Amino acid sequence: MNICIVEDCARPVKAKQLCAMHHQRMLRHGDPLTVRPAKEKKRETCKWIHCTKDSVTKGYCSKHYYIQRVSASRQEQ
């Protein structure tokens, strides 16, 4: 079994003498050693009145987003 040509990588080759991870990096960035930094997640509180939970979707926590979604669908009917 062949091993990835990147230094200190012992994973099996997928394509072009690179493992799956380094092959994807080569396709996306043109360099198998490029590592994209993780995005920082902005923490915002729910925009519902007096709610202090973190927002999950469209500015609401999961509980209040569900309420918004259900009440909006009932108004459409």
PDB file of N, CA and C in Angstrom:
ATOM      1  N   MET A   1       0.842  -1.170   0.000  1.00  0.00           N
ATOM      2  CA  MET A   1       0.000   0.000   0.000  1.00  0.00           C
ATOM      3  C   MET A   1       0.896   1.244   0.000  1.00  0.00           C
ATOM      4  N   ASN A   2       0.569   2.201  -0.840  1.00  0.00           N
ATOM      5  CA  ASN A   2       1.353   3.429  -0.925  1.00  0.00           C
ATOM      6  C   ASN A   2       0.947   4.403   0.181  1.00  0.00           C
ATOM      7  N   ILE A   3       1.896   5.259   0.566  1.00  0.00           N
ATOM      8  CA  ILE A   3       1.679   6.235   1.632  1.00  0.00           C
ATOM      9  C   ILE A   3       1.769   7.637   1.035  1.00  0.00           C
ATOM     10  N   CYS A   4       1.015   8.557   1.586  1.00  0.00           N
ATOM     11  CA  CYS A   4       0.987   9.954   1.145  1.00  0.00           C
ATOM     12  C   CYS A   4       2.406  10.539   1.114  1.00  0.00           C
ATOM     13  N   ILE A   5       2.688  11.352   0.080  1.00  0.00           N
ATOM     14  CA  ILE A   5       4.032  11.908  -0.084  1.00  0.00           C
ATOM     15  C   ILE A   5       4.304  13.118   0.823  1.00  0.00           C
ATOM     16  N   VAL A   6       3.284  13.636   1.494  1.00  0.00           N
ATOM     17  CA  VAL A   6       3.474  14.785   2.382  1.00  0.00           C
ATOM     18  C   VAL A   6       4.244  14.320   3.619  1.00  0.00           C
ATOM     19  N   GLU A   7       5.214  15.127   4.027  1.00  0.00           N
ATOM     20  CA  GLU A   7       6.068  14.782   5.163  1.00  0.00           C
ATOM     21  C   GLU A   7       5.234  14.575   6.435  1.00  0.00           C
ATOM     22  N   ASP A   8       5.543  13.561   7.208  1.00  0.00           N
ATOM     23  CA  ASP A   8       4.880  13.193   8.465  1.00  0.00           C
ATOM     24  C   ASP A   8       3.426  12.758   8.286  1.00  0.00           C
ATOM     25  N   CYS A   9       3.035  12.380   7.088  1.00  0.00           N
ATOM     26  CA  CYS A   9       1.693  11.854   6.858  1.00  0.00           C
ATOM     27  C   CYS A   9       1.822  10.375   6.508  1.00  0.00           C
ATOM     28  N   ALA A  10       1.130   9.538   7.261  1.00  0.00           N
ATOM     29  CA  ALA A  10       1.236   8.099   7.048  1.00  0.00           C
ATOM     30  C   ALA A  10      -0.074   7.498   6.534  1.00  0.00           C
ATOM     31  N   ARG A  11      -0.929   8.338   5.983  1.00  0.00           N
ATOM     32  CA  ARG A  11      -2.210   7.849   5.474  1.00  0.00           C
ATOM     33  C   ARG A  11      -2.046   7.225   4.093  1.00  0.00           C
ATOM     34  N   PRO A  12      -2.961   6.339   3.735  1.00  0.00           N
ATOM     35  CA  PRO A  12      -2.878   5.697   2.417  1.00  0.00           C
ATOM     36  C   PRO A  12      -3.228   6.673   1.288  1.00  0.00           C
ATOM     37  N   VAL A  13      -2.663   6.439   0.137  1.00  0.00           N
ATOM     38  CA  VAL A  13      -2.864   7.298  -1.036  1.00  0.00           C
ATOM     39  C   VAL A  13      -4.274   7.152  -1.578  1.00  0.00           C
ATOM     40  N   LYS A  14      -4.871   8.302  -1.952  1.00  0.00           N
ATOM     41  CA  LYS A  14      -6.170   8.305  -2.623  1.00  0.00           C
ATOM     42  C   LYS A  14      -5.960   8.581  -4.110  1.00  0.00           C
ATOM     43  N   ALA A  15      -5.246   9.685  -4.402  1.00  0.00           N
ATOM     44  CA  ALA A  15      -4.990  10.061  -5.789  1.00  0.00           C
ATOM     45  C   ALA A  15      -3.757  10.947  -5.861  1.00  0.00           C
ATOM     46  N   LYS A  16      -3.048  10.869  -6.967  1.00  0.00           N
ATOM     47  CA  LYS A  16      -1.878  11.711  -7.224  1.00  0.00           C
ATOM     48  C   LYS A  16      -0.863  11.679  -6.089  1.00  0.00           C
ATOM     49  N   GLN A  17      -0.669  10.515  -5.513  1.00  0.00           N
ATOM     50  CA  GLN A  17       0.284  10.256  -4.433  1.00  0.00           C
ATOM     51  C   GLN A  17      -0.043  11.036  -3.159  1.00  0.00           C
ATOM     52  N   LEU A  18      -1.301  11.431  -2.984  1.00  0.00           N
ATOM     53  CA  LEU A  18      -1.743  12.156  -1.794  1.00  0.00           C
ATOM     54  C   LEU A  18      -2.881  11.407  -1.120  1.00  0.00           C
ATOM     55  N   CYS A  19      -2.961  11.533   0.203  1.00  0.00           N
ATOM     56  CA  CYS A  19      -4.095  10.957   0.933  1.00  0.00           C
ATOM     57  C   CYS A  19      -5.332  11.806   0.646  1.00  0.00           C
ATOM     58  N   ALA A  20      -6.485  11.381   1.131  1.00  0.00           N
ATOM     59  CA  ALA A  20      -7.742  12.077   0.855  1.00  0.00           C
ATOM     60  C   ALA A  20      -7.707  13.527   1.343  1.00  0.00           C
ATOM     61  N   MET A  21      -7.193  13.761   2.552  1.00  0.00           N
ATOM     62  CA  MET A  21      -7.158  15.113   3.113  1.00  0.00           C
ATOM     63  C   MET A  21      -6.259  16.030   2.295  1.00  0.00           C
ATOM     64  N   HIS A  22      -5.031  15.590   2.019  1.00  0.00           N
ATOM     65  CA  HIS A  22      -4.105  16.430   1.271  1.00  0.00           C
ATOM     66  C   HIS A  22      -4.546  16.593  -0.183  1.00  0.00           C
ATOM     67  N   HIS A  23      -5.212  15.596  -0.741  1.00  0.00           N
ATOM     68  CA  HIS A  23      -5.735  15.699  -2.102  1.00  0.00           C
ATOM     69  C   HIS A  23      -6.826  16.769  -2.165  1.00  0.00           C
ATOM     70  N   GLN A  24      -7.725  16.784  -1.188  1.00  0.00           N
ATOM     71  CA  GLN A  24      -8.765  17.813  -1.140  1.00  0.00           C
ATOM     72  C   GLN A  24      -8.165  19.201  -0.986  1.00  0.00           C
ATOM     73  N   ARG A  25      -7.163  19.330  -0.135  1.00  0.00           N
ATOM     74  CA  ARG A  25      -6.498  20.629   0.038  1.00  0.00           C
ATOM     75  C   ARG A  25      -5.855  21.084  -1.272  1.00  0.00           C
ATOM     76  N   MET A  26      -5.271  20.151  -2.001  1.00  0.00           N
ATOM     77  CA  MET A  26      -4.652  20.482  -3.284  1.00  0.00           C
ATOM     78  C   MET A  26      -5.712  20.971  -4.272  1.00  0.00           C
ATOM     79  N   LEU A  27      -6.854  20.301  -4.314  1.00  0.00           N
ATOM     80  CA  LEU A  27      -7.923  20.700  -5.221  1.00  0.00           C
ATOM     81  C   LEU A  27      -8.499  22.065  -4.842  1.00  0.00           C
ATOM     82  N   ARG A  28      -8.699  22.313  -3.558  1.00  0.00           N
ATOM     83  CA  ARG A  28      -9.322  23.561  -3.109  1.00  0.00           C
ATOM     84  C   ARG A  28      -8.384  24.755  -3.136  1.00  0.00           C
ATOM     85  N   HIS A  29      -7.140  24.558  -2.694  1.00  0.00           N
ATOM     86  CA  HIS A  29      -6.234  25.679  -2.489  1.00  0.00           C
ATOM     87  C   HIS A  29      -5.013  25.666  -3.397  1.00  0.00           C
ATOM     88  N   GLY A  30      -4.771  24.572  -4.100  1.00  0.00           N
ATOM     89  CA  GLY A  30      -3.605  24.481  -4.954  1.00  0.00           C
ATOM     90  C   GLY A  30      -2.336  24.101  -4.214  1.00  0.00           C
ATOM     91  N   ASP A  31      -2.467  23.820  -2.918  1.00  0.00           N
ATOM     92  CA  ASP A  31      -1.318  23.444  -2.097  1.00  0.00           C
ATOM     93  C   ASP A  31      -1.798  22.462  -1.035  1.00  0.00           C
ATOM     94  N   PRO A  32      -1.195  21.269  -0.941  1.00  0.00           N
ATOM     95  CA  PRO A  32      -1.671  20.286   0.035  1.00  0.00           C
ATOM     96  C   PRO A  32      -1.363  20.655   1.490  1.00  0.00           C
ATOM     97  N   LEU A  33      -0.533  21.657   1.702  1.00  0.00           N
ATOM     98  CA  LEU A  33      -0.168  22.046   3.066  1.00  0.00           C
ATOM     99  C   LEU A  33      -0.985  23.230   3.589  1.00  0.00           C
ATOM    100  N   THR A  34      -1.828  23.813   2.753  1.00  0.00           N
ATOM    101  CA  THR A  34      -2.649  24.947   3.161  1.00  0.00           C
ATOM    102  C   THR A  34      -3.720  24.488   4.147  1.00  0.00           C
ATOM    103  N   VAL A  35      -3.807  25.194   5.267  1.00  0.00           N
ATOM    104  CA  VAL A  35      -4.834  24.904   6.262  1.00  0.00           C
ATOM    105  C   VAL A  35      -5.612  26.189   6.486  1.00  0.00           C
ATOM    106  N   ARG A  36      -6.893  26.139   6.219  1.00  0.00           N
ATOM    107  CA  ARG A  36      -7.738  27.311   6.407  1.00  0.00           C
ATOM    108  C   ARG A  36      -8.085  27.446   7.878  1.00  0.00           C
ATOM    109  N   PRO A  37      -7.895  28.616   8.469  1.00  0.00           N
ATOM    110  CA  PRO A  37      -8.226  28.780   9.885  1.00  0.00           C
ATOM    111  C   PRO A  37      -9.735  28.685  10.116  1.00  0.00           C
ATOM    112  N   ALA A  38     -10.102  28.171  11.266  1.00  0.00           N
ATOM    113  CA  ALA A  38     -11.518  28.037  11.605  1.00  0.00           C
ATOM    114  C   ALA A  38     -12.131  29.414  11.806  1.00  0.00           C
ATOM    115  N   LYS A  39     -13.377  29.571  11.384  1.00  0.00           N
ATOM    116  CA  LYS A  39     -14.072  30.846  11.548  1.00  0.00           C
ATOM    117  C   LYS A  39     -14.509  31.009  12.998  1.00  0.00           C
ATOM    118  N   GLU A  40     -14.413  32.229  13.472  1.00  0.00           N
ATOM    119  CA  GLU A  40     -14.885  32.497  14.825  1.00  0.00           C
ATOM    120  C   GLU A  40     -16.392  32.711  14.787  1.00  0.00           C
ATOM    121  N   LYS A  41     -17.071  32.076  15.695  1.00  0.00           N
ATOM    122  CA  LYS A  41     -18.510  32.163  15.744  1.00  0.00           C
ATOM    123  C   LYS A  41     -18.916  33.331  16.628  1.00  0.00           C
ATOM    124  N   LYS A  42     -19.755  34.217  16.086  1.00  0.00           N
ATOM    125  CA  LYS A  42     -20.238  35.348  16.866  1.00  0.00           C
ATOM    126  C   LYS A  42     -21.336  34.857  17.809  1.00  0.00           C
ATOM    127  N   ARG A  43     -21.202  35.209  19.063  1.00  0.00           N
ATOM    128  CA  ARG A  43     -22.216  34.799  20.033  1.00  0.00           C
ATOM    129  C   ARG A  43     -23.173  35.958  20.237  1.00  0.00           C
ATOM    130  N   GLU A  44     -24.417  35.721  19.914  1.00  0.00           N
ATOM    131  CA  GLU A  44     -25.461  36.721  20.088  1.00  0.00           C
ATOM    132  C   GLU A  44     -26.574  36.103  20.913  1.00  0.00           C
ATOM    133  N   THR A  45     -27.249  36.940  21.682  1.00  0.00           N
ATOM    134  CA  THR A  45     -28.362  36.434  22.475  1.00  0.00           C
ATOM    135  C   THR A  45     -29.641  36.503  21.653  1.00  0.00           C
ATOM    136  N   CYS A  46     -30.593  35.708  22.044  1.00  0.00           N
ATOM    137  CA  CYS A  46     -31.893  35.630  21.384  1.00  0.00           C
ATOM    138  C   CYS A  46     -32.558  37.006  21.413  1.00  0.00           C
ATOM    139  N   LYS A  47     -33.194  37.393  20.299  1.00  0.00           N
ATOM    140  CA  LYS A  47     -33.824  38.709  20.253  1.00  0.00           C
ATOM    141  C   LYS A  47     -35.254  38.714  20.795  1.00  0.00           C
ATOM    142  N   TRP A  48     -35.699  37.611  21.348  1.00  0.00           N
ATOM    143  CA  TRP A  48     -36.994  37.543  22.025  1.00  0.00           C
ATOM    144  C   TRP A  48     -36.878  38.334  23.328  1.00  0.00           C
ATOM    145  N   ILE A  49     -37.921  39.026  23.719  1.00  0.00           N
ATOM    146  CA  ILE A  49     -37.888  39.864  24.919  1.00  0.00           C
ATOM    147  C   ILE A  49     -37.615  39.016  26.160  1.00  0.00           C
ATOM    148  N   HIS A  50     -36.660  39.437  26.964  1.00  0.00           N
ATOM    149  CA  HIS A  50     -36.258  38.820  28.229  1.00  0.00           C
ATOM    150  C   HIS A  50     -35.661  37.418  28.093  1.00  0.00           C
ATOM    151  N   CYS A  51     -35.213  37.039  26.915  1.00  0.00           N
ATOM    152  CA  CYS A  51     -34.553  35.744  26.734  1.00  0.00           C
ATOM    153  C   CYS A  51     -33.044  35.973  26.724  1.00  0.00           C
ATOM    154  N   THR A  52     -32.313  35.179  27.492  1.00  0.00           N
ATOM    155  CA  THR A  52     -30.863  35.348  27.582  1.00  0.00           C
ATOM    156  C   THR A  52     -30.097  34.185  26.943  1.00  0.00           C
ATOM    157  N   LYS A  53     -30.803  33.276  26.282  1.00  0.00           N
ATOM    158  CA  LYS A  53     -30.140  32.152  25.619  1.00  0.00           C
ATOM    159  C   LYS A  53     -29.423  32.632  24.358  1.00  0.00           C
ATOM    160  N   ASP A  54     -28.436  31.862  23.907  1.00  0.00           N
ATOM    161  CA  ASP A  54     -27.724  32.179  22.666  1.00  0.00           C
ATOM    162  C   ASP A  54     -28.627  31.933  21.470  1.00  0.00           C
ATOM    163  N   SER A  55     -28.516  32.814  20.461  1.00  0.00           N
ATOM    164  CA  SER A  55     -29.314  32.631  19.255  1.00  0.00           C
ATOM    165  C   SER A  55     -28.732  31.488  18.430  1.00  0.00           C
ATOM    166  N   VAL A  56     -29.614  30.804  17.735  1.00  0.00           N
ATOM    167  CA  VAL A  56     -29.219  29.671  16.907  1.00  0.00           C
ATOM    168  C   VAL A  56     -29.556  29.949  15.444  1.00  0.00           C
ATOM    169  N   THR A  57     -30.786  30.369  15.184  1.00  0.00           N
ATOM    170  CA  THR A  57     -31.253  30.591  13.827  1.00  0.00           C
ATOM    171  C   THR A  57     -32.001  31.908  13.731  1.00  0.00           C
ATOM    172  N   LYS A  58     -31.606  32.728  12.771  1.00  0.00           N
ATOM    173  CA  LYS A  58     -32.259  33.999  12.477  1.00  0.00           C
ATOM    174  C   LYS A  58     -32.433  34.878  13.712  1.00  0.00           C
ATOM    175  N   GLY A  59     -31.482  34.828  14.634  1.00  0.00           N
ATOM    176  CA  GLY A  59     -31.496  35.693  15.798  1.00  0.00           C
ATOM    177  C   GLY A  59     -32.277  35.170  16.981  1.00  0.00           C
ATOM    178  N   TYR A  60     -32.851  33.986  16.873  1.00  0.00           N
ATOM    179  CA  TYR A  60     -33.647  33.405  17.955  1.00  0.00           C
ATOM    180  C   TYR A  60     -32.991  32.136  18.492  1.00  0.00           C
ATOM    181  N   CYS A  61     -33.240  31.824  19.760  1.00  0.00           N
ATOM    182  CA  CYS A  61     -32.839  30.529  20.309  1.00  0.00           C
ATOM    183  C   CYS A  61     -33.756  29.481  19.681  1.00  0.00           C
ATOM    184  N   SER A  62     -33.467  28.221  19.895  1.00  0.00           N
ATOM    185  CA  SER A  62     -34.245  27.166  19.226  1.00  0.00           C
ATOM    186  C   SER A  62     -35.719  27.196  19.628  1.00  0.00           C
ATOM    187  N   LYS A  63     -35.997  27.479  20.894  1.00  0.00           N
ATOM    188  CA  LYS A  63     -37.385  27.523  21.378  1.00  0.00           C
ATOM    189  C   LYS A  63     -38.164  28.648  20.700  1.00  0.00           C
ATOM    190  N   HIS A  64     -37.604  29.844  20.689  1.00  0.00           N
ATOM    191  CA  HIS A  64     -38.314  30.991  20.140  1.00  0.00           C
ATOM    192  C   HIS A  64     -38.342  30.984  18.616  1.00  0.00           C
ATOM    193  N   TYR A  65     -37.356  30.386  17.983  1.00  0.00           N
ATOM    194  CA  TYR A  65     -37.405  30.231  16.529  1.00  0.00           C
ATOM    195  C   TYR A  65     -38.565  29.315  16.154  1.00  0.00           C
ATOM    196  N   TYR A  66     -38.743  28.250  16.909  1.00  0.00           N
ATOM    197  CA  TYR A  66     -39.867  27.338  16.655  1.00  0.00           C
ATOM    198  C   TYR A  66     -41.193  28.088  16.782  1.00  0.00           C
ATOM    199  N   ILE A  67     -41.332  28.907  17.828  1.00  0.00           N
ATOM    200  CA  ILE A  67     -42.570  29.672  18.034  1.00  0.00           C
ATOM    201  C   ILE A  67     -42.798  30.617  16.857  1.00  0.00           C
ATOM    202  N   GLN A  68     -41.750  31.326  16.420  1.00  0.00           N
ATOM    203  CA  GLN A  68     -41.859  32.238  15.282  1.00  0.00           C
ATOM    204  C   GLN A  68     -42.284  31.490  14.024  1.00  0.00           C
ATOM    205  N   ARG A  69     -41.663  30.360  13.782  1.00  0.00           N
ATOM    206  CA  ARG A  69     -41.940  29.583  12.574  1.00  0.00           C
ATOM    207  C   ARG A  69     -43.370  29.064  12.566  1.00  0.00           C
ATOM    208  N   VAL A  70     -43.832  28.539  13.702  1.00  0.00           N
ATOM    209  CA  VAL A  70     -45.189  27.994  13.783  1.00  0.00           C
ATOM    210  C   VAL A  70     -46.225  29.106  13.658  1.00  0.00           C
ATOM    211  N   SER A  71     -45.993  30.230  14.335  1.00  0.00           N
ATOM    212  CA  SER A  71     -46.970  31.324  14.274  1.00  0.00           C
ATOM    213  C   SER A  71     -47.016  31.940  12.875  1.00  0.00           C
ATOM    214  N   ALA A  72     -45.881  31.997  12.166  1.00  0.00           N
ATOM    215  CA  ALA A  72     -45.861  32.533  10.809  1.00  0.00           C
ATOM    216  C   ALA A  72     -46.614  31.609   9.848  1.00  0.00           C
ATOM    217  N   SER A  73     -46.477  30.298  10.027  1.00  0.00           N
ATOM    218  CA  SER A  73     -47.172  29.373   9.138  1.00  0.00           C
ATOM    219  C   SER A  73     -48.678  29.384   9.395  1.00  0.00           C
ATOM    220  N   ARG A  74     -49.078  29.641  10.622  1.00  0.00           N
ATOM    221  CA  ARG A  74     -50.515  29.720  10.935  1.00  0.00           C
ATOM    222  C   ARG A  74     -51.125  30.978  10.350  1.00  0.00           C
ATOM    223  N   GLN A  75     -50.360  32.058  10.289  1.00  0.00           N
ATOM    224  CA  GLN A  75     -50.870  33.309   9.726  1.00  0.00           C
ATOM    225  C   GLN A  75     -51.063  33.200   8.218  1.00  0.00           C
ATOM    226  N   GLU A  76     -50.257  32.369   7.570  1.00  0.00           N
ATOM    227  CA  GLU A  76     -50.370  32.190   6.114  1.00  0.00           C
ATOM    228  C   GLU A  76     -51.630  31.406   5.738  1.00  0.00           C
ATOM    229  N   GLN A  77     -52.120  30.593   6.637  1.00  0.00           N
ATOM    230  CA  GLN A  77     -53.272  29.731   6.312  1.00  0.00           C
ATOM    231  C   GLN A  77     -54.541  30.472   6.327  1.00  0.00           C
TER     232      GLN A  77
END
